[in-house]
Amino acid sequence: MSEPITDAARPSPRLSFARAAFRRFKDDAGGATALEYAMIGGLIFAVIAGSLKLYGSKLDGVYGQIGSTMAQVY
């Protein structure tokens, strides 16, 4: 015969909840799509920031010339 399960042998409700939550998290594939979109967005941001840094110094002279021309007009 089996012995009755005592309170000490039962998992706590908090532990059972944590196991169920971990199981749901492990089986959920919806977060992977969000993560992929976040990575693509980060890559696009890095490319834009890099191109602005690269071309910003080259455009500085152009904007300076435009500014001095505008100052002469007004």
Protein backbone atom coordinates (compact mmCIF):
# COMPACT_ATOMS: atom_id res chain seq x y z
CA MET A 1 0.00 0.00 0.00
CA SER A 2 1.05 3.55 -0.59
CA GLU A 3 1.53 5.93 2.24
CA PRO A 4 -0.56 9.11 2.36
CA ILE A 5 1.18 12.22 1.14
CA THR A 6 2.02 14.52 3.98
CA ASP A 7 2.11 18.31 3.72
CA ALA A 8 5.91 18.24 3.82
CA ALA A 9 6.04 15.99 0.71
CA ARG A 10 3.62 18.12 -1.35
CA PRO A 11 5.10 20.85 -3.51
CA SER A 12 4.12 24.30 -2.40
CA PRO A 13 1.46 26.08 -4.49
CA ARG A 14 4.03 28.73 -5.36
CA LEU A 15 6.40 26.08 -6.74
CA SER A 16 3.60 24.47 -8.75
CA PHE A 17 2.70 27.88 -10.19
CA ALA A 18 6.34 28.53 -11.09
CA ARG A 19 6.63 25.16 -12.83
CA ALA A 20 3.44 25.78 -14.80
CA ALA A 21 4.58 29.27 -15.75
CA PHE A 22 7.97 27.96 -16.86
CA ARG A 23 6.29 25.24 -18.92
CA ARG A 24 4.04 27.81 -20.63
CA PHE A 25 7.04 30.07 -21.28
CA LYS A 26 9.07 27.19 -22.71
CA ASP A 27 6.29 26.09 -25.07
CA ASP A 28 5.36 29.62 -26.24
CA ALA A 29 6.74 30.47 -29.69
CA GLY A 30 5.15 33.92 -29.96
CA GLY A 31 8.01 35.65 -28.19
CA ALA A 32 10.49 34.41 -30.79
CA THR A 33 8.81 36.48 -33.49
CA ALA A 34 8.91 39.61 -31.33
CA LEU A 35 12.57 38.98 -30.61
CA GLU A 36 13.34 38.62 -34.31
CA TYR A 37 11.59 41.90 -35.09
CA ALA A 38 13.50 43.61 -32.29
CA MET A 39 16.79 42.32 -33.68
CA ILE A 40 15.91 43.52 -37.20
CA GLY A 41 14.93 46.92 -35.80
CA GLY A 42 18.22 47.15 -33.90
CA LEU A 43 20.16 46.28 -37.03
CA ILE A 44 18.33 48.94 -39.05
CA PHE A 45 19.03 51.50 -36.30
CA ALA A 46 22.73 50.57 -36.27
CA VAL A 47 22.97 51.00 -40.05
CA ILE A 48 21.23 54.39 -39.95
CA ALA A 49 23.36 55.62 -37.05
CA GLY A 50 26.54 54.46 -38.75
CA SER A 51 25.66 56.12 -42.03
CA LEU A 52 24.77 59.39 -40.30
CA LYS A 53 28.09 59.36 -38.49
CA LEU A 54 29.98 58.59 -41.70
CA TYR A 55 28.26 61.17 -43.88
CA GLY A 56 27.70 63.76 -41.15
CA SER A 57 31.27 64.98 -41.25
CA LYS A 58 31.16 65.20 -45.05
CA LEU A 59 27.93 67.19 -44.99
CA ASP A 60 29.27 69.64 -42.41
CA GLY A 61 31.04 71.65 -45.11
CA VAL A 62 27.93 71.72 -47.29
CA TYR A 63 25.75 73.01 -44.45
CA GLY A 64 28.40 75.59 -43.55
CA GLN A 65 28.41 76.87 -47.13
CA ILE A 66 24.60 77.01 -47.19
CA GLY A 67 24.62 78.91 -43.89
CA SER A 68 27.15 81.48 -45.09
CA THR A 69 25.23 81.97 -48.35
CA MET A 70 22.00 82.50 -46.45
CA ALA A 71 23.75 85.02 -44.20
CA GLN A 72 24.87 87.02 -47.22
CA VAL A 73 21.36 87.03 -48.69
CA TYR A 74 19.70 88.29 -45.54
